[in-house]
Amino acid sequence: MWLSYGLLAFILIAGVAYSTAARKLTVIAALTGAAVAVLVFAGNGFTGLAMMTTFFILGSAATSVQSNTKKDLNADQKGGRTSAQVLANAGTAALCGILILVLPVVHAHVLQLMMAASFASATADTLSSELGTVYGKRFFNIITLKPDVRGLDGVISLEGTLIGVAGSVVIAIVCTIGLGWTINIIWIVVAGTLGNLTDSILGAVFERNGIIGNNTVNFLNTLIAALFMLLFYFVL
């Protein structure tokens, strides 16, 4: 047990040091991320921590791809991410961790899967947004399905959507390595993809019209993905 806590502490310190030194996160955001990581670890052990780390690595790598192109489109991430952005992407996972701690142990497994779905959605959203903007060929408004301007809220491409699915697959694989290979690997991918598509719908309908902001959209897409996973778990 003490070895696990020591390894957790090392990972957290290394993560805070790297993310701030590389300007991926502000100092406060890095500390917020560390607090979220503790909750994720408390609820889902190193499997949860591995999913969160995978999301961070893939998201950081995707953000760095062709940043000059994204600057021209005003779609790049300027400076380190804030605490609000950390909570928007990982807040649902943290809530799952808290619920695992306070609810009877019988609910732990489904909450761990919901945590995985939230990370799958966050990863899919980040990769489809960051890489779809660069590698997409034809761009459509998700509501009207008519051609629309690359980089605007609610605008998707086939390439970006498929990249997002691939991101969900990666998170699902990480989860199932830790929790066991079952049919749930498919539902994590489906829930993550639905969460990502929900993000685009919310962006087109609400964010583009200034009703809600990007952080709210990101939090809602992860929450909805987790709820889809809950539905799949009990119905399918």
Protein backbone atom coordinates (compact mmCIF):
# COMPACT_ATOMS: atom_id res chain seq x y z
CA MET A 1 0.00 0.00 0.00
CA TRP A 2 2.76 2.43 0.94
CA LEU A 3 4.50 1.62 -2.33
CA SER A 4 1.31 2.55 -4.21
CA TYR A 5 1.03 5.84 -2.34
CA GLY A 6 4.69 6.58 -3.00
CA LEU A 7 4.26 5.89 -6.71
CA LEU A 8 1.15 8.08 -6.77
CA ALA A 9 3.03 10.92 -5.10
CA PHE A 10 5.89 10.59 -7.60
CA ILE A 11 3.48 10.65 -10.56
CA LEU A 12 1.66 13.70 -9.20
CA ILE A 13 4.86 15.64 -8.53
CA ALA A 14 6.27 14.74 -11.93
CA GLY A 15 3.01 15.66 -13.62
CA VAL A 16 2.77 19.05 -11.92
CA ALA A 17 6.42 19.80 -12.65
CA TYR A 18 6.21 18.83 -16.33
CA SER A 19 2.87 20.45 -17.11
CA THR A 20 3.91 23.77 -15.60
CA ALA A 21 7.45 23.75 -17.03
CA ALA A 22 6.12 22.90 -20.50
CA ARG A 23 3.37 25.51 -20.08
CA LYS A 24 0.67 22.94 -20.72
CA LEU A 25 -1.13 24.04 -17.54
CA THR A 26 -0.98 27.07 -15.29
CA VAL A 27 0.37 26.40 -11.80
CA ILE A 28 -3.11 26.53 -10.27
CA ALA A 29 -4.46 24.29 -13.05
CA ALA A 30 -1.67 21.77 -12.43
CA LEU A 31 -2.50 21.66 -8.72
CA THR A 32 -6.19 21.30 -9.58
CA GLY A 33 -5.27 18.44 -11.90
CA ALA A 34 -3.31 16.80 -9.09
CA ALA A 35 -6.34 17.03 -6.79
CA VAL A 36 -8.55 15.52 -9.49
CA ALA A 37 -5.98 12.76 -10.02
CA VAL A 38 -6.14 11.87 -6.31
CA LEU A 39 -9.93 11.48 -6.53
CA VAL A 40 -9.63 9.44 -9.73
CA PHE A 41 -7.02 7.22 -8.08
CA ALA A 42 -9.14 6.83 -4.95
CA GLY A 43 -12.06 5.60 -7.05
CA ASN A 44 -10.32 3.60 -9.76
CA GLY A 45 -6.71 3.08 -8.70
CA PHE A 46 -3.93 3.13 -11.26
CA THR A 47 -6.42 2.26 -14.01
CA GLY A 48 -8.14 5.61 -13.48
CA LEU A 49 -4.82 7.39 -13.25
CA ALA A 50 -3.66 5.72 -16.48
CA MET A 51 -6.79 6.91 -18.30
CA MET A 52 -6.31 10.45 -17.05
CA THR A 53 -2.63 10.41 -18.01
CA THR A 54 -3.45 9.02 -21.45
CA PHE A 55 -5.99 11.78 -22.00
CA PHE A 56 -3.46 14.43 -20.97
CA ILE A 57 -0.68 13.03 -23.19
CA LEU A 58 -2.87 12.60 -26.26
CA GLY A 59 -4.51 15.98 -25.77
CA SER A 60 -1.19 17.77 -25.31
CA ALA A 61 0.28 16.08 -28.38
CA ALA A 62 -2.77 16.93 -30.50
CA THR A 63 -2.69 20.55 -29.37
CA SER A 64 0.91 20.84 -30.59
CA VAL A 65 0.17 19.56 -34.11
CA GLN A 66 0.41 22.32 -36.73
CA SER A 67 -0.16 25.06 -34.18
CA ASN A 68 0.50 27.75 -36.80
CA THR A 69 -2.46 26.52 -38.83
CA LYS A 70 -4.65 26.68 -35.75
CA LYS A 71 -3.47 30.21 -34.99
CA ASP A 72 -4.65 31.29 -38.42
CA LEU A 73 -8.06 29.82 -37.59
CA ASN A 74 -8.04 31.17 -34.02
CA ALA A 75 -8.43 27.54 -32.91
CA ASP A 76 -5.19 27.16 -31.00
CA GLN A 77 -4.86 26.86 -27.23
CA LYS A 78 -3.19 30.07 -26.06
CA GLY A 79 -0.98 29.59 -23.00
CA GLY A 80 -1.44 26.94 -20.35
CA ARG A 81 -4.85 25.50 -19.68
CA THR A 82 -6.70 26.87 -16.65
CA SER A 83 -8.26 25.19 -13.63
CA ALA A 84 -11.70 25.68 -15.17
CA GLN A 85 -10.57 23.80 -18.28
CA VAL A 86 -9.14 20.98 -16.17
CA LEU A 87 -12.42 20.62 -14.28
CA ALA A 88 -14.43 20.87 -17.50
CA ASN A 89 -12.58 17.89 -18.96
CA ALA A 90 -12.00 15.80 -15.82
CA GLY A 91 -14.65 17.02 -13.39
CA THR A 92 -17.05 14.20 -14.22
CA ALA A 93 -14.31 11.64 -13.59
CA ALA A 94 -13.59 13.29 -10.25
CA LEU A 95 -17.29 13.14 -9.34
CA CYS A 96 -17.30 9.43 -10.19
CA GLY A 97 -14.30 9.00 -7.89
CA ILE A 98 -16.13 10.74 -5.05
CA LEU A 99 -19.25 8.62 -5.57
CA ILE A 100 -17.19 5.44 -5.51
CA LEU A 101 -15.84 6.49 -2.11
CA VAL A 102 -19.21 7.38 -0.55
CA LEU A 103 -21.61 4.85 -2.11
CA PRO A 104 -21.79 1.12 -1.33
CA VAL A 105 -19.08 -0.92 -3.01
CA VAL A 106 -21.66 -2.68 -5.19
CA HIS A 107 -21.88 0.49 -7.30
CA ALA A 108 -18.12 0.83 -7.81
CA HIS A 109 -17.82 -1.08 -11.08
CA VAL A 110 -20.43 0.89 -13.01
CA LEU A 111 -19.01 4.16 -11.69
CA GLN A 112 -15.55 3.11 -12.85
CA LEU A 113 -16.98 2.45 -16.31
CA MET A 114 -18.73 5.83 -16.23
CA MET A 115 -15.37 7.40 -15.37
CA ALA A 116 -13.86 5.65 -18.39
CA ALA A 117 -16.66 6.92 -20.64
CA SER A 118 -16.09 10.49 -19.45
CA PHE A 119 -12.38 10.26 -20.28
CA ALA A 120 -13.24 8.64 -23.63
CA SER A 121 -15.50 11.58 -24.46
CA ALA A 122 -12.96 14.17 -23.32
CA THR A 123 -10.25 12.49 -25.39
CA ALA A 124 -12.49 12.15 -28.43
CA ASP A 125 -13.51 15.80 -28.19
CA THR A 126 -9.95 17.07 -27.84
CA LEU A 127 -8.54 14.94 -30.65
CA SER A 128 -11.41 15.57 -33.06
CA SER A 129 -11.22 19.32 -32.40
CA GLU A 130 -7.45 19.69 -32.54
CA LEU A 131 -6.68 17.20 -35.33
CA GLY A 132 -9.94 17.42 -37.26
CA THR A 133 -9.27 21.12 -37.78
CA VAL A 134 -5.94 20.25 -39.38
CA TYR A 135 -6.67 17.03 -41.26
CA GLY A 136 -10.35 17.41 -42.11
CA LYS A 137 -11.25 17.80 -45.78
CA ARG A 138 -14.91 18.75 -45.81
CA PHE A 139 -16.62 20.50 -42.90
CA PHE A 140 -20.31 20.40 -41.98
CA ASN A 141 -22.60 21.95 -39.42
CA ILE A 142 -23.72 19.03 -37.25
CA ILE A 143 -27.29 20.37 -37.04
CA THR A 144 -27.97 21.31 -40.67
CA LEU A 145 -25.40 18.97 -42.26
CA LYS A 146 -24.62 21.81 -44.66
CA PRO A 147 -21.04 22.92 -45.43
CA ASP A 148 -19.75 25.30 -42.78
CA VAL A 149 -16.57 27.12 -41.79
CA ARG A 150 -13.73 25.04 -40.36
CA GLY A 151 -13.04 25.76 -36.69
CA LEU A 152 -16.45 27.17 -35.76
CA ASP A 153 -18.48 25.70 -32.90
CA GLY A 154 -20.61 22.75 -34.01
CA VAL A 155 -18.65 22.17 -37.22
CA ILE A 156 -17.41 18.62 -37.79
CA SER A 157 -15.60 16.58 -40.43
CA LEU A 158 -15.54 12.87 -41.15
CA GLU A 159 -11.81 12.76 -40.48
CA GLY A 160 -12.12 14.56 -37.16
CA THR A 161 -14.99 12.34 -36.05
CA LEU A 162 -13.04 9.16 -36.86
CA ILE A 163 -9.99 10.50 -35.02
CA GLY A 164 -12.26 11.11 -32.04
CA VAL A 165 -13.51 7.52 -32.20
CA ALA A 166 -9.88 6.35 -32.20
CA GLY A 167 -9.29 8.40 -29.05
CA SER A 168 -12.23 6.71 -27.35
CA VAL A 169 -10.84 3.33 -28.38
CA VAL A 170 -7.51 4.10 -26.74
CA ILE A 171 -9.17 5.04 -23.44
CA ALA A 172 -11.41 1.94 -23.61
CA ILE A 173 -8.36 -0.28 -24.09
CA VAL A 174 -6.57 1.32 -21.13
CA CYS A 175 -9.68 0.78 -19.00
CA THR A 176 -10.17 -2.84 -19.97
CA ILE A 177 -6.51 -3.67 -19.37
CA GLY A 178 -7.11 -2.64 -15.77
CA LEU A 179 -10.68 -3.84 -15.24
CA GLY A 180 -10.82 -6.86 -17.54
CA TRP A 181 -11.78 -7.50 -21.16
CA THR A 182 -15.56 -7.55 -21.48
CA ILE A 183 -18.26 -6.21 -23.81
CA ASN A 184 -17.98 -2.94 -21.88
CA ILE A 185 -15.03 -1.96 -24.07
CA ILE A 186 -17.52 -1.41 -26.89
CA TRP A 187 -19.93 0.59 -24.74
CA ILE A 188 -17.13 2.86 -23.53
CA VAL A 189 -16.26 3.66 -27.14
CA VAL A 190 -19.91 4.23 -28.06
CA ALA A 191 -20.55 6.40 -25.00
CA GLY A 192 -17.39 8.42 -25.65
CA THR A 193 -18.37 8.97 -29.28
CA LEU A 194 -21.91 10.00 -28.35
CA GLY A 195 -20.48 12.41 -25.79
CA ASN A 196 -18.22 13.90 -28.45
CA LEU A 197 -21.11 14.34 -30.90
CA THR A 198 -23.16 15.90 -28.11
CA ASP A 199 -20.32 18.39 -27.64
CA SER A 200 -20.70 19.46 -31.26
CA ILE A 201 -24.48 19.74 -30.97
CA LEU A 202 -24.18 21.88 -27.83
CA GLY A 203 -21.56 23.97 -29.60
CA ALA A 204 -23.77 24.59 -32.62
CA VAL A 205 -26.96 25.32 -30.70
CA PHE A 206 -25.77 27.04 -27.53
CA GLU A 207 -22.09 27.98 -27.58
CA ARG A 208 -22.17 29.60 -31.01
CA ASN A 209 -25.06 31.77 -29.84
CA GLY A 210 -23.25 32.78 -26.65
CA ILE A 211 -25.68 30.99 -24.32
CA ILE A 212 -23.04 28.80 -22.66
CA GLY A 213 -19.25 28.75 -22.80
CA ASN A 214 -16.75 26.15 -23.95
CA ASN A 215 -15.99 24.90 -20.44
CA THR A 216 -19.66 24.20 -19.81
CA VAL A 217 -19.92 22.37 -23.14
CA ASN A 218 -16.88 20.26 -22.30
CA PHE A 219 -18.21 19.34 -18.86
CA LEU A 220 -21.62 18.44 -20.25
CA ASN A 221 -20.22 16.20 -22.97
CA THR A 222 -18.26 14.15 -20.41
CA LEU A 223 -21.26 13.99 -18.07
CA ILE A 224 -23.56 12.87 -20.88
CA ALA A 225 -21.06 10.20 -21.95
CA ALA A 226 -20.99 8.89 -18.37
CA LEU A 227 -24.80 8.79 -18.30
CA PHE A 228 -24.87 6.92 -21.62
CA MET A 229 -22.50 4.37 -20.07
CA LEU A 230 -24.84 4.05 -17.09
CA LEU A 231 -27.74 3.41 -19.47
CA PHE A 232 -25.81 0.82 -21.49
CA TYR A 233 -24.69 -0.97 -18.33
CA PHE A 234 -28.19 -1.54 -17.02
CA VAL A 235 -30.15 -1.88 -20.26
CA LEU A 236 -27.87 -3.77 -22.68
